Amino acid sequence: VTIVPSTSGTAAAMTAGSGFGIAANCDRPDEAFAAIEALTSV
C-alpha cells in the first residue's frame, strides 16, 4: 500500500466516507444525537 502518486511525492489524498445525521424535521434531536455519539464511539 502506498500513496496515490503526486507531483512532489508528498502524501495527499481524496477521502471518501459516510456518517450519521439527523433529519431536519426530527422532533427528538437530543435522543438522536446521543445515538450518533454511541454509533461513532471509539
PDB file of all heavy atoms in Angstrom:
ATOM      1  N   VAL A   1       0.854  -1.187   0.000  1.00  0.00           N
ATOM      2  CA  VAL A   1       0.000   0.000   0.000  1.00  0.00           C
ATOM      3  C   VAL A   1       0.885   1.231   0.000  1.00  0.00           C
ATOM      4  O   VAL A   1       1.799   1.357   0.831  1.00  0.00           O
ATOM      5  CB  VAL A   1      -0.930   0.036   1.232  1.00  0.00           C
ATOM      6  CG1 VAL A   1      -1.780   1.300   1.227  1.00  0.00           C
ATOM      7  CG2 VAL A   1      -1.821  -1.196   1.285  1.00  0.00           C
ATOM      8  N   THR A   2       0.618   2.143  -0.927  1.00  0.00           N
ATOM      9  CA  THR A   2       1.332   3.411  -0.966  1.00  0.00           C
ATOM     10  C   THR A   2       0.348   4.520  -1.323  1.00  0.00           C
ATOM     11  O   THR A   2      -0.842   4.273  -1.521  1.00  0.00           O
ATOM     12  CB  THR A   2       2.503   3.363  -1.964  1.00  0.00           C
ATOM     13  OG1 THR A   2       3.262   4.584  -1.868  1.00  0.00           O
ATOM     14  CG2 THR A   2       2.014   3.204  -3.394  1.00  0.00           C
ATOM     15  N   ILE A   3       0.857   5.734  -1.381  1.00  0.00           N
ATOM     16  CA  ILE A   3       0.007   6.876  -1.706  1.00  0.00           C
ATOM     17  C   ILE A   3      -0.306   6.897  -3.206  1.00  0.00           C
ATOM     18  O   ILE A   3       0.431   6.326  -4.003  1.00  0.00           O
ATOM     19  CB  ILE A   3       0.670   8.206  -1.293  1.00  0.00           C
ATOM     20  CG1 ILE A   3       1.904   8.493  -2.170  1.00  0.00           C
ATOM     21  CG2 ILE A   3       1.083   8.172   0.183  1.00  0.00           C
ATOM     22  CD1 ILE A   3       2.496   9.897  -1.977  1.00  0.00           C
ATOM     23  N   VAL A   4      -1.398   7.528  -3.569  1.00  0.00           N
ATOM     24  CA  VAL A   4      -1.605   7.855  -4.980  1.00  0.00           C
ATOM     25  C   VAL A   4      -0.506   8.848  -5.350  1.00  0.00           C
ATOM     26  O   VAL A   4      -0.346   9.874  -4.676  1.00  0.00           O
ATOM     27  CB  VAL A   4      -2.998   8.465  -5.214  1.00  0.00           C
ATOM     28  CG1 VAL A   4      -3.155   8.911  -6.667  1.00  0.00           C
ATOM     29  CG2 VAL A   4      -4.083   7.452  -4.858  1.00  0.00           C
ATOM     30  N   PRO A   5       0.292   8.560  -6.364  1.00  0.00           N
ATOM     31  CA  PRO A   5       1.457   9.405  -6.649  1.00  0.00           C
ATOM     32  C   PRO A   5       1.083  10.875  -6.855  1.00  0.00           C
ATOM     33  O   PRO A   5       0.063  11.190  -7.482  1.00  0.00           O
ATOM     34  CB  PRO A   5       2.021   8.798  -7.934  1.00  0.00           C
ATOM     35  CG  PRO A   5       1.530   7.396  -7.936  1.00  0.00           C
ATOM     36  CD  PRO A   5       0.181   7.432  -7.306  1.00  0.00           C
ATOM     37  N   SER A   6       1.914  11.743  -6.332  1.00  0.00           N
ATOM     38  CA  SER A   6       1.744  13.182  -6.519  1.00  0.00           C
ATOM     39  C   SER A   6       2.983  13.739  -7.205  1.00  0.00           C
ATOM     40  O   SER A   6       4.033  13.099  -7.217  1.00  0.00           O
ATOM     41  CB  SER A   6       1.529  13.880  -5.174  1.00  0.00           C
ATOM     42  OG  SER A   6       2.667  13.743  -4.339  1.00  0.00           O
ATOM     43  N   THR A   7       2.856  14.926  -7.755  1.00  0.00           N
ATOM     44  CA  THR A   7       3.995  15.528  -8.454  1.00  0.00           C
ATOM     45  C   THR A   7       5.181  15.692  -7.521  1.00  0.00           C
ATOM     46  O   THR A   7       6.321  15.369  -7.872  1.00  0.00           O
ATOM     47  CB  THR A   7       3.593  16.893  -9.041  1.00  0.00           C
ATOM     48  OG1 THR A   7       2.519  16.702  -9.966  1.00  0.00           O
ATOM     49  CG2 THR A   7       4.765  17.531  -9.767  1.00  0.00           C
ATOM     50  N   SER A   8       4.927  16.160  -6.304  1.00  0.00           N
ATOM     51  CA  SER A   8       6.003  16.384  -5.340  1.00  0.00           C
ATOM     52  C   SER A   8       6.423  15.113  -4.631  1.00  0.00           C
ATOM     53  O   SER A   8       7.515  15.060  -4.054  1.00  0.00           O
ATOM     54  CB  SER A   8       5.550  17.403  -4.294  1.00  0.00           C
ATOM     55  OG  SER A   8       4.512  16.868  -3.483  1.00  0.00           O
ATOM     56  N   GLY A   9       5.551  14.105  -4.639  1.00  0.00           N
ATOM     57  CA  GLY A   9       5.835  12.869  -3.924  1.00  0.00           C
ATOM     58  C   GLY A   9       5.300  12.845  -2.514  1.00  0.00           C
ATOM     59  O   GLY A   9       5.371  11.816  -1.838  1.00  0.00           O
ATOM     60  N   THR A  10       4.784  13.961  -2.034  1.00  0.00           N
ATOM     61  CA  THR A  10       4.256  14.007  -0.675  1.00  0.00           C
ATOM     62  C   THR A  10       2.837  13.441  -0.636  1.00  0.00           C
ATOM     63  O   THR A  10       2.109  13.437  -1.621  1.00  0.00           O
ATOM     64  CB  THR A  10       4.244  15.438  -0.117  1.00  0.00           C
ATOM     65  OG1 THR A  10       3.480  16.280  -0.991  1.00  0.00           O
ATOM     66  CG2 THR A  10       5.656  15.982  -0.023  1.00  0.00           C
ATOM     67  N   ALA A  11       2.448  12.977   0.545  1.00  0.00           N
ATOM     68  CA  ALA A  11       1.158  12.321   0.718  1.00  0.00           C
ATOM     69  C   ALA A  11       0.028  13.340   0.811  1.00  0.00           C
ATOM     70  O   ALA A  11       0.048  14.237   1.648  1.00  0.00           O
ATOM     71  CB  ALA A  11       1.184  11.462   1.981  1.00  0.00           C
ATOM     72  N   ALA A  12      -0.941  13.195  -0.060  1.00  0.00           N
ATOM     73  CA  ALA A  12      -2.181  13.970  -0.019  1.00  0.00           C
ATOM     74  C   ALA A  12      -3.237  13.087  -0.664  1.00  0.00           C
ATOM     75  O   ALA A  12      -2.932  12.327  -1.575  1.00  0.00           O
ATOM     76  CB  ALA A  12      -2.053  15.293  -0.759  1.00  0.00           C
ATOM     77  N   ALA A  13      -4.468  13.184  -0.196  1.00  0.00           N
ATOM     78  CA  ALA A  13      -5.442  12.197  -0.654  1.00  0.00           C
ATOM     79  C   ALA A  13      -6.829  12.773  -0.823  1.00  0.00           C
ATOM     80  O   ALA A  13      -7.205  13.758  -0.191  1.00  0.00           O
ATOM     81  CB  ALA A  13      -5.522  11.033   0.344  1.00  0.00           C
ATOM     82  N   MET A  14      -7.580  12.107  -1.692  1.00  0.00           N
ATOM     83  CA  MET A  14      -9.027  12.258  -1.710  1.00  0.00           C
ATOM     84  C   MET A  14      -9.594  11.245  -0.730  1.00  0.00           C
ATOM     85  O   MET A  14      -9.245  10.068  -0.774  1.00  0.00           O
ATOM     86  CB  MET A  14      -9.592  11.987  -3.106  1.00  0.00           C
ATOM     87  CG  MET A  14     -11.102  12.120  -3.188  1.00  0.00           C
ATOM     88  SD  MET A  14     -11.763  11.787  -4.851  1.00  0.00           S
ATOM     89  CE  MET A  14     -11.965  10.001  -4.782  1.00  0.00           C
ATOM     90  N   THR A  15     -10.425  11.708   0.171  1.00  0.00           N
ATOM     91  CA  THR A  15     -11.056  10.797   1.111  1.00  0.00           C
ATOM     92  C   THR A  15     -12.526  10.601   0.758  1.00  0.00           C
ATOM     93  O   THR A  15     -13.202  11.518   0.291  1.00  0.00           O
ATOM     94  CB  THR A  15     -10.973  11.310   2.562  1.00  0.00           C
ATOM     95  OG1 THR A  15     -11.332  12.698   2.600  1.00  0.00           O
ATOM     96  CG2 THR A  15      -9.589  11.134   3.129  1.00  0.00           C
ATOM     97  N   ALA A  16     -12.979   9.389   0.980  1.00  0.00           N
ATOM     98  CA  ALA A  16     -14.389   9.050   0.848  1.00  0.00           C
ATOM     99  C   ALA A  16     -14.844   8.505   2.195  1.00  0.00           C
ATOM    100  O   ALA A  16     -14.053   7.912   2.931  1.00  0.00           O
ATOM    101  CB  ALA A  16     -14.594   8.015  -0.249  1.00  0.00           C
ATOM    102  N   GLY A  17     -16.095   8.695   2.516  1.00  0.00           N
ATOM    103  CA  GLY A  17     -16.590   8.191   3.792  1.00  0.00           C
ATOM    104  C   GLY A  17     -18.048   8.516   3.990  1.00  0.00           C
ATOM    105  O   GLY A  17     -18.648   9.271   3.219  1.00  0.00           O
ATOM    106  N   SER A  18     -18.618   7.923   5.024  1.00  0.00           N
ATOM    107  CA  SER A  18     -20.032   8.091   5.324  1.00  0.00           C
ATOM    108  C   SER A  18     -20.217   8.451   6.787  1.00  0.00           C
ATOM    109  O   SER A  18     -19.291   8.336   7.598  1.00  0.00           O
ATOM    110  CB  SER A  18     -20.802   6.801   5.003  1.00  0.00           C
ATOM    111  OG  SER A  18     -20.636   6.434   3.652  1.00  0.00           O
ATOM    112  N   GLY A  19     -21.428   8.874   7.139  1.00  0.00           N
ATOM    113  CA  GLY A  19     -21.681   9.250   8.519  1.00  0.00           C
ATOM    114  C   GLY A  19     -23.163   9.271   8.842  1.00  0.00           C
ATOM    115  O   GLY A  19     -24.016   9.035   7.981  1.00  0.00           O
ATOM    116  N   PHE A  20     -23.450   9.549  10.100  1.00  0.00           N
ATOM    117  CA  PHE A  20     -24.815   9.595  10.604  1.00  0.00           C
ATOM    118  C   PHE A  20     -25.252  11.042  10.803  1.00  0.00           C
ATOM    119  O   PHE A  20     -24.527  11.843  11.410  1.00  0.00           O
ATOM    120  CB  PHE A  20     -24.917   8.864  11.945  1.00  0.00           C
ATOM    121  CG  PHE A  20     -24.558   7.405  11.869  1.00  0.00           C
ATOM    122  CD1 PHE A  20     -23.319   6.952  12.315  1.00  0.00           C
ATOM    123  CD2 PHE A  20     -25.453   6.477  11.351  1.00  0.00           C
ATOM    124  CE1 PHE A  20     -22.983   5.607  12.257  1.00  0.00           C
ATOM    125  CE2 PHE A  20     -25.128   5.128  11.285  1.00  0.00           C
ATOM    126  CZ  PHE A  20     -23.896   4.692  11.734  1.00  0.00           C
ATOM    127  N   GLY A  21     -26.435  11.365  10.303  1.00  0.00           N
ATOM    128  CA  GLY A  21     -27.013  12.687  10.501  1.00  0.00           C
ATOM    129  C   GLY A  21     -28.401  12.588  11.101  1.00  0.00           C
ATOM    130  O   GLY A  21     -28.941  11.494  11.315  1.00  0.00           O
ATOM    131  N   ILE A  22     -28.993  13.750  11.375  1.00  0.00           N
ATOM    132  CA  ILE A  22     -30.339  13.844  11.947  1.00  0.00           C
ATOM    133  C   ILE A  22     -31.226  14.567  10.956  1.00  0.00           C
ATOM    134  O   ILE A  22     -30.849  15.618  10.422  1.00  0.00           O
ATOM    135  CB  ILE A  22     -30.314  14.593  13.292  1.00  0.00           C
ATOM    136  CG1 ILE A  22     -29.406  13.873  14.293  1.00  0.00           C
ATOM    137  CG2 ILE A  22     -31.724  14.732  13.862  1.00  0.00           C
ATOM    138  CD1 ILE A  22     -29.237  14.616  15.618  1.00  0.00           C
ATOM    139  N   ALA A  23     -32.389  14.016  10.700  1.00  0.00           N
ATOM    140  CA  ALA A  23     -33.335  14.647   9.786  1.00  0.00           C
ATOM    141  C   ALA A  23     -33.716  16.029  10.299  1.00  0.00           C
ATOM    142  O   ALA A  23     -33.910  16.233  11.501  1.00  0.00           O
ATOM    143  CB  ALA A  23     -34.583  13.787   9.634  1.00  0.00           C
ATOM    144  N   ALA A  24     -33.816  16.977   9.387  1.00  0.00           N
ATOM    145  CA  ALA A  24     -34.104  18.359   9.770  1.00  0.00           C
ATOM    146  C   ALA A  24     -35.428  18.482  10.529  1.00  0.00           C
ATOM    147  O   ALA A  24     -35.588  19.381  11.359  1.00  0.00           O
ATOM    148  CB  ALA A  24     -34.123  19.245   8.528  1.00  0.00           C
ATOM    149  N   ASN A  25     -36.385  17.585  10.258  1.00  0.00           N
ATOM    150  CA  ASN A  25     -37.681  17.659  10.917  1.00  0.00           C
ATOM    151  C   ASN A  25     -37.825  16.679  12.082  1.00  0.00           C
ATOM    152  O   ASN A  25     -38.939  16.415  12.548  1.00  0.00           O
ATOM    153  CB  ASN A  25     -38.811  17.424   9.911  1.00  0.00           C
ATOM    154  CG  ASN A  25     -38.646  16.130   9.132  1.00  0.00           C
ATOM    155  OD1 ASN A  25     -37.670  15.408   9.306  1.00  0.00           O
ATOM    156  ND2 ASN A  25     -39.604  15.840   8.253  1.00  0.00           N
ATOM    157  N   CYS A  26     -36.711  16.157  12.581  1.00  0.00           N
ATOM    158  CA  CYS A  26     -36.742  15.262  13.743  1.00  0.00           C
ATOM    159  C   CYS A  26     -37.146  16.047  14.989  1.00  0.00           C
ATOM    160  O   CYS A  26     -36.582  17.115  15.268  1.00  0.00           O
ATOM    161  CB  CYS A  26     -35.367  14.630  13.941  1.00  0.00           C
ATOM    162  SG  CYS A  26     -35.189  13.669  15.463  1.00  0.00           S
ATOM    163  N   ASP A  27     -38.100  15.501  15.763  1.00  0.00           N
ATOM    164  CA  ASP A  27     -38.512  16.199  16.982  1.00  0.00           C
ATOM    165  C   ASP A  27     -37.895  15.571  18.241  1.00  0.00           C
ATOM    166  O   ASP A  27     -38.313  15.865  19.353  1.00  0.00           O
ATOM    167  CB  ASP A  27     -40.041  16.248  17.101  1.00  0.00           C
ATOM    168  CG  ASP A  27     -40.689  14.872  17.171  1.00  0.00           C
ATOM    169  OD1 ASP A  27     -39.951  13.870  17.236  1.00  0.00           O
ATOM    170  OD2 ASP A  27     -41.939  14.812  17.155  1.00  0.00           O
ATOM    171  N   ARG A  28     -36.899  14.732  18.048  1.00  0.00           N
ATOM    172  CA  ARG A  28     -36.167  14.128  19.176  1.00  0.00           C
ATOM    173  C   ARG A  28     -34.657  14.295  18.948  1.00  0.00           C
ATOM    174  O   ARG A  28     -33.890  13.338  18.986  1.00  0.00           O
ATOM    175  CB  ARG A  28     -36.528  12.644  19.299  1.00  0.00           C
ATOM    176  CG  ARG A  28     -37.988  12.405  19.585  1.00  0.00           C
ATOM    177  CD  ARG A  28     -38.411  10.965  19.287  1.00  0.00           C
ATOM    178  NE  ARG A  28     -37.736   9.980  20.104  1.00  0.00           N
ATOM    179  CZ  ARG A  28     -37.896   8.656  19.961  1.00  0.00           C
ATOM    180  NH1 ARG A  28     -38.690   8.182  19.017  1.00  0.00           N
ATOM    181  NH2 ARG A  28     -37.253   7.818  20.742  1.00  0.00           N
ATOM    182  N   PRO A  29     -34.202  15.511  18.710  1.00  0.00           N
ATOM    183  CA  PRO A  29     -32.794  15.696  18.320  1.00  0.00           C
ATOM    184  C   PRO A  29     -31.795  15.294  19.394  1.00  0.00           C
ATOM    185  O   PRO A  29     -30.721  14.780  19.069  1.00  0.00           O
ATOM    186  CB  PRO A  29     -32.709  17.195  17.999  1.00  0.00           C
ATOM    187  CG  PRO A  29     -33.848  17.814  18.746  1.00  0.00           C
ATOM    188  CD  PRO A  29     -34.938  16.793  18.729  1.00  0.00           C
ATOM    189  N   ASP A  30     -32.115  15.526  20.665  1.00  0.00           N
ATOM    190  CA  ASP A  30     -31.173  15.163  21.725  1.00  0.00           C
ATOM    191  C   ASP A  30     -30.988  13.651  21.789  1.00  0.00           C
ATOM    192  O   ASP A  30     -29.860  13.156  21.925  1.00  0.00           O
ATOM    193  CB  ASP A  30     -31.654  15.694  23.077  1.00  0.00           C
ATOM    194  CG  ASP A  30     -31.582  17.215  23.170  1.00  0.00           C
ATOM    195  OD1 ASP A  30     -30.616  17.791  22.627  1.00  0.00           O
ATOM    196  OD2 ASP A  30     -32.482  17.813  23.771  1.00  0.00           O
ATOM    197  N   GLU A  31     -32.092  12.908  21.697  1.00  0.00           N
ATOM    198  CA  GLU A  31     -32.004  11.450  21.673  1.00  0.00           C
ATOM    199  C   GLU A  31     -31.242  10.976  20.443  1.00  0.00           C
ATOM    200  O   GLU A  31     -30.425  10.052  20.513  1.00  0.00           O
ATOM    201  CB  GLU A  31     -33.402  10.837  21.670  1.00  0.00           C
ATOM    202  CG  GLU A  31     -34.198  11.001  22.942  1.00  0.00           C
ATOM    203  CD  GLU A  31     -35.587  10.402  22.781  1.00  0.00           C
ATOM    204  OE1 GLU A  31     -35.691   9.176  22.601  1.00  0.00           O
ATOM    205  OE2 GLU A  31     -36.570  11.168  22.818  1.00  0.00           O
ATOM    206  N   ALA A  32     -31.540  11.596  19.319  1.00  0.00           N
ATOM    207  CA  ALA A  32     -30.893  11.194  18.068  1.00  0.00           C
ATOM    208  C   ALA A  32     -29.394  11.441  18.135  1.00  0.00           C
ATOM    209  O   ALA A  32     -28.596  10.599  17.689  1.00  0.00           O
ATOM    210  CB  ALA A  32     -31.515  11.941  16.897  1.00  0.00           C
ATOM    211  N   PHE A  33     -28.978  12.580  18.702  1.00  0.00           N
ATOM    212  CA  PHE A  33     -27.538  12.855  18.757  1.00  0.00           C
ATOM    213  C   PHE A  33     -26.855  11.932  19.756  1.00  0.00           C
ATOM    214  O   PHE A  33     -25.711  11.520  19.525  1.00  0.00           O
ATOM    215  CB  PHE A  33     -27.261  14.315  19.106  1.00  0.00           C
ATOM    216  CG  PHE A  33     -25.817  14.688  18.887  1.00  0.00           C
ATOM    217  CD1 PHE A  33     -25.326  14.883  17.603  1.00  0.00           C
ATOM    218  CD2 PHE A  33     -24.935  14.782  19.949  1.00  0.00           C
ATOM    219  CE1 PHE A  33     -23.981  15.175  17.385  1.00  0.00           C
ATOM    220  CE2 PHE A  33     -23.596  15.077  19.745  1.00  0.00           C
ATOM    221  CZ  PHE A  33     -23.120  15.266  18.458  1.00  0.00           C
ATOM    222  N   ALA A  34     -27.526  11.599  20.852  1.00  0.00           N
ATOM    223  CA  ALA A  34     -26.949  10.632  21.787  1.00  0.00           C
ATOM    224  C   ALA A  34     -26.716   9.288  21.088  1.00  0.00           C
ATOM    225  O   ALA A  34     -25.720   8.603  21.342  1.00  0.00           O
ATOM    226  CB  ALA A  34     -27.869  10.453  22.996  1.00  0.00           C
ATOM    227  N   ALA A  35     -27.641   8.919  20.206  1.00  0.00           N
ATOM    228  CA  ALA A  35     -27.467   7.689  19.442  1.00  0.00           C
ATOM    229  C   ALA A  35     -26.248   7.794  18.523  1.00  0.00           C
ATOM    230  O   ALA A  35     -25.461   6.838  18.398  1.00  0.00           O
ATOM    231  CB  ALA A  35     -28.721   7.398  18.623  1.00  0.00           C
ATOM    232  N   ILE A  36     -26.078   8.957  17.875  1.00  0.00           N
ATOM    233  CA  ILE A  36     -24.922   9.149  16.988  1.00  0.00           C
ATOM    234  C   ILE A  36     -23.621   9.071  17.786  1.00  0.00           C
ATOM    235  O   ILE A  36     -22.627   8.492  17.325  1.00  0.00           O
ATOM    236  CB  ILE A  36     -25.039  10.489  16.247  1.00  0.00           C
ATOM    237  CG1 ILE A  36     -26.173  10.417  15.215  1.00  0.00           C
ATOM    238  CG2 ILE A  36     -23.725  10.840  15.553  1.00  0.00           C
ATOM    239  CD1 ILE A  36     -26.448  11.720  14.500  1.00  0.00           C
ATOM    240  N   GLU A  37     -23.607   9.649  18.990  1.00  0.00           N
ATOM    241  CA  GLU A  37     -22.412   9.559  19.823  1.00  0.00           C
ATOM    242  C   GLU A  37     -22.028   8.103  20.068  1.00  0.00           C
ATOM    243  O   GLU A  37     -20.844   7.732  19.996  1.00  0.00           O
ATOM    244  CB  GLU A  37     -22.654  10.268  21.154  1.00  0.00           C
ATOM    245  CG  GLU A  37     -22.709  11.780  21.064  1.00  0.00           C
ATOM    246  CD  GLU A  37     -22.796  12.420  22.438  1.00  0.00           C
ATOM    247  OE1 GLU A  37     -21.727  12.698  23.030  1.00  0.00           O
ATOM    248  OE2 GLU A  37     -23.919  12.631  22.940  1.00  0.00           O
ATOM    249  N   ALA A  38     -23.019   7.280  20.368  1.00  0.00           N
ATOM    250  CA  ALA A  38     -22.737   5.861  20.630  1.00  0.00           C
ATOM    251  C   ALA A  38     -22.320   5.135  19.361  1.00  0.00           C
ATOM    252  O   ALA A  38     -21.399   4.307  19.370  1.00  0.00           O
ATOM    253  CB  ALA A  38     -23.969   5.205  21.251  1.00  0.00           C
ATOM    254  N   LEU A  39     -22.988   5.442  18.251  1.00  0.00           N
ATOM    255  CA  LEU A  39     -22.709   4.758  16.988  1.00  0.00           C
ATOM    256  C   LEU A  39     -21.325   5.081  16.430  1.00  0.00           C
ATOM    257  O   LEU A  39     -20.769   4.305  15.646  1.00  0.00           O
ATOM    258  CB  LEU A  39     -23.770   5.123  15.953  1.00  0.00           C
ATOM    259  CG  LEU A  39     -25.170   4.547  16.171  1.00  0.00           C
ATOM    260  CD1 LEU A  39     -26.196   5.277  15.306  1.00  0.00           C
ATOM    261  CD2 LEU A  39     -25.192   3.048  15.875  1.00  0.00           C
ATOM    262  N   THR A  40     -20.778   6.237  16.807  1.00  0.00           N
ATOM    263  CA  THR A  40     -19.460   6.652  16.299  1.00  0.00           C
ATOM    264  C   THR A  40     -18.383   6.616  17.381  1.00  0.00           C
ATOM    265  O   THR A  40     -17.319   7.210  17.212  1.00  0.00           O
ATOM    266  CB  THR A  40     -19.531   8.071  15.700  1.00  0.00           C
ATOM    267  OG1 THR A  40     -19.962   9.001  16.716  1.00  0.00           O
ATOM    268  CG2 THR A  40     -20.499   8.129  14.525  1.00  0.00           C
ATOM    269  N   SER A  41     -18.641   5.906  18.461  1.00  0.00           N
ATOM    270  CA  SER A  41     -17.668   5.822  19.546  1.00  0.00           C
ATOM    271  C   SER A  41     -16.406   5.088  19.100  1.00  0.00           C
ATOM    272  O   SER A  41     -16.400   4.371  18.089  1.00  0.00           O
ATOM    273  CB  SER A  41     -18.281   5.098  20.748  1.00  0.00           C
ATOM    274  OG  SER A  41     -18.545   3.738  20.415  1.00  0.00           O
ATOM    275  N   VAL A  42     -15.334   5.260  19.851  1.00  0.00           N
ATOM    276  CA  VAL A  42     -14.068   4.607  19.527  1.00  0.00           C
ATOM    277  C   VAL A  42     -14.239   3.092  19.479  1.00  0.00           C
ATOM    278  O   VAL A  42     -13.767   2.423  18.553  1.00  0.00           O
ATOM    279  CB  VAL A  42     -12.975   4.990  20.547  1.00  0.00           C
ATOM    280  CG1 VAL A  42     -11.707   4.159  20.306  1.00  0.00           C
ATOM    281  CG2 VAL A  42     -12.650   6.476  20.453  1.00  0.00           C
TER     282      VAL A  42
END
